[in-house]
Protein backbone atom coordinates (compact mmCIF):
# COMPACT_ATOMS: atom_id res chain seq x y z
CA GLN A 1 96.42 41.57 -46.56
CA VAL A 2 95.25 44.93 -47.88
CA GLN A 3 96.43 48.07 -46.14
CA LEU A 4 95.80 51.72 -46.93
CA VAL A 5 98.22 54.10 -45.25
CA GLU A 6 97.50 57.82 -45.22
CA SER A 7 100.02 60.57 -44.64
CA GLY A 8 100.32 64.30 -45.01
CA GLY A 9 97.92 65.57 -42.42
CA GLY A 10 98.80 68.27 -39.95
CA LEU A 11 98.09 71.73 -38.66
CA VAL A 12 97.75 74.58 -41.13
CA GLN A 13 96.43 78.12 -41.03
CA ALA A 14 93.29 79.06 -42.89
CA GLY A 15 94.07 79.74 -46.52
CA GLY A 16 96.93 77.28 -46.51
CA SER A 17 97.45 74.03 -48.37
CA LEU A 18 98.12 70.40 -47.60
CA ARG A 19 98.62 67.31 -49.68
CA LEU A 20 97.34 64.00 -48.39
CA SER A 21 98.72 60.75 -49.72
CA CYS A 22 97.33 57.23 -49.48
CA THR A 23 99.44 54.26 -50.47
CA ALA A 24 97.96 50.81 -50.84
CA SER A 25 99.66 47.52 -50.20
CA GLY A 26 98.23 44.12 -51.00
CA LEU A 27 96.55 45.43 -54.17
CA THR A 28 99.47 44.98 -56.52
CA PHE A 29 97.50 43.46 -59.37
CA THR A 30 94.12 45.10 -58.82
CA PHE A 31 94.76 48.64 -57.57
CA GLY A 32 93.86 50.13 -60.94
CA ARG A 33 90.44 48.49 -60.82
CA HIS A 34 89.52 50.08 -57.51
CA ALA A 35 87.63 53.30 -57.16
CA MET A 36 89.50 55.42 -54.64
CA GLY A 37 88.10 58.05 -52.36
CA TRP A 38 88.80 60.42 -49.52
CA TYR A 39 86.30 60.78 -46.72
CA ARG A 40 86.41 62.92 -43.62
CA GLN A 41 84.82 62.89 -40.22
CA ALA A 42 84.68 65.88 -37.92
CA PRO A 43 83.92 65.52 -34.20
CA GLY A 44 80.25 64.88 -33.64
CA LYS A 45 79.53 64.52 -37.34
CA GLU A 46 79.05 61.63 -39.71
CA ARG A 47 81.74 60.54 -42.10
CA GLU A 48 81.28 62.21 -45.47
CA LEU A 49 82.68 61.79 -48.94
CA VAL A 50 85.16 64.51 -49.88
CA ALA A 51 86.34 63.32 -53.29
CA SER A 52 86.51 60.16 -55.34
CA ILE A 53 88.19 58.96 -58.49
CA SER A 54 87.07 55.99 -60.51
CA SER A 55 89.25 53.34 -62.09
CA GLY A 56 88.86 55.27 -65.34
CA GLY A 57 89.89 58.57 -63.80
CA SER A 58 86.50 60.24 -63.42
CA THR A 59 86.36 62.47 -60.38
CA ASN A 60 83.62 63.56 -58.03
CA TYR A 61 83.75 66.20 -55.29
CA ALA A 62 81.63 67.31 -52.41
CA ASP A 63 80.15 70.74 -53.09
CA SER A 64 82.00 72.14 -50.08
CA VAL A 65 85.42 71.41 -51.59
CA LYS A 66 84.84 71.96 -55.31
CA GLY A 67 87.42 74.30 -56.75
CA ARG A 68 89.70 73.91 -53.73
CA PHE A 69 90.54 70.19 -53.58
CA THR A 70 91.89 67.93 -56.31
CA ILE A 71 92.07 64.15 -56.23
CA ALA A 72 94.54 62.23 -58.37
CA ARG A 73 95.79 58.68 -58.61
CA ASP A 74 99.05 57.08 -59.66
CA ASN A 75 98.36 53.44 -60.36
CA ALA A 76 102.04 52.65 -60.88
CA LYS A 77 102.72 53.75 -57.30
CA TYR A 78 99.45 52.39 -55.82
CA THR A 79 98.81 55.89 -54.55
CA VAL A 80 95.96 58.36 -54.42
CA LEU A 81 96.54 62.01 -53.55
CA LEU A 82 94.31 64.77 -52.28
CA HIS A 83 95.59 68.28 -52.92
CA MET A 84 93.84 70.70 -50.59
CA ASN A 85 94.08 74.45 -51.18
CA SER A 86 92.42 77.45 -49.58
CA LEU A 87 91.76 75.44 -46.47
CA LYS A 88 89.07 76.59 -44.07
CA PRO A 89 88.55 75.84 -40.37
CA GLU A 90 85.49 73.79 -41.34
CA ASP A 91 87.81 71.42 -43.24
CA THR A 92 89.16 70.26 -39.88
CA ALA A 93 88.55 66.52 -39.59
CA VAL A 94 90.12 63.11 -39.72
CA TYR A 95 90.58 62.21 -43.37
CA TYR A 96 90.24 58.58 -44.44
CA CYS A 97 91.34 56.87 -47.62
CA ASN A 98 88.92 54.38 -49.15
CA ALA A 99 89.30 51.73 -51.83
CA ARG A 100 86.31 50.06 -53.40
CA TRP A 101 85.92 47.30 -55.98
CA GLY A 102 82.53 45.73 -56.19
CA GLU A 103 81.64 44.59 -52.69
CA LEU A 104 85.23 44.86 -51.50
CA VAL A 105 85.80 47.97 -49.43
CA TYR A 106 88.95 48.96 -47.57
CA TRP A 107 89.69 51.87 -45.23
CA GLY A 108 92.83 53.50 -43.99
CA GLN A 109 93.41 54.45 -40.38
CA GLY A 110 92.92 58.17 -40.99
CA THR A 111 95.06 61.27 -40.79
CA GLN A 112 94.18 64.40 -38.84
CA VAL A 113 93.85 67.72 -40.62
CA THR A 114 93.45 70.78 -38.44
CA VAL A 115 92.89 74.23 -39.93
CA SER A 116 93.31 77.16 -37.54
CA SER A 117 91.53 80.45 -38.06
């Protein structure tokens, strides 16, 4: 059974930093083949892509986080990280980890990030 477990969320003041971590289980032999991503959903809004990293290491970022967030993966540890700097109140949301390989898609349970002004 595949599980994605996020951690690292919390409450931070504007301008601060957080590091989110997502560790996968059940993907021991295929984790490196999965594209990994971080999505977020704020109250009353649709879930949106924040950042993604392909199996080959190519990255993609939402315009709203470019230059502030960095996604990275460690295939040996079945982990994907999201480094978030210069946080803004509008970054407040539940952040979800996503793994995708072909038609297979997995989601984590989410971790809350709250940025106070």
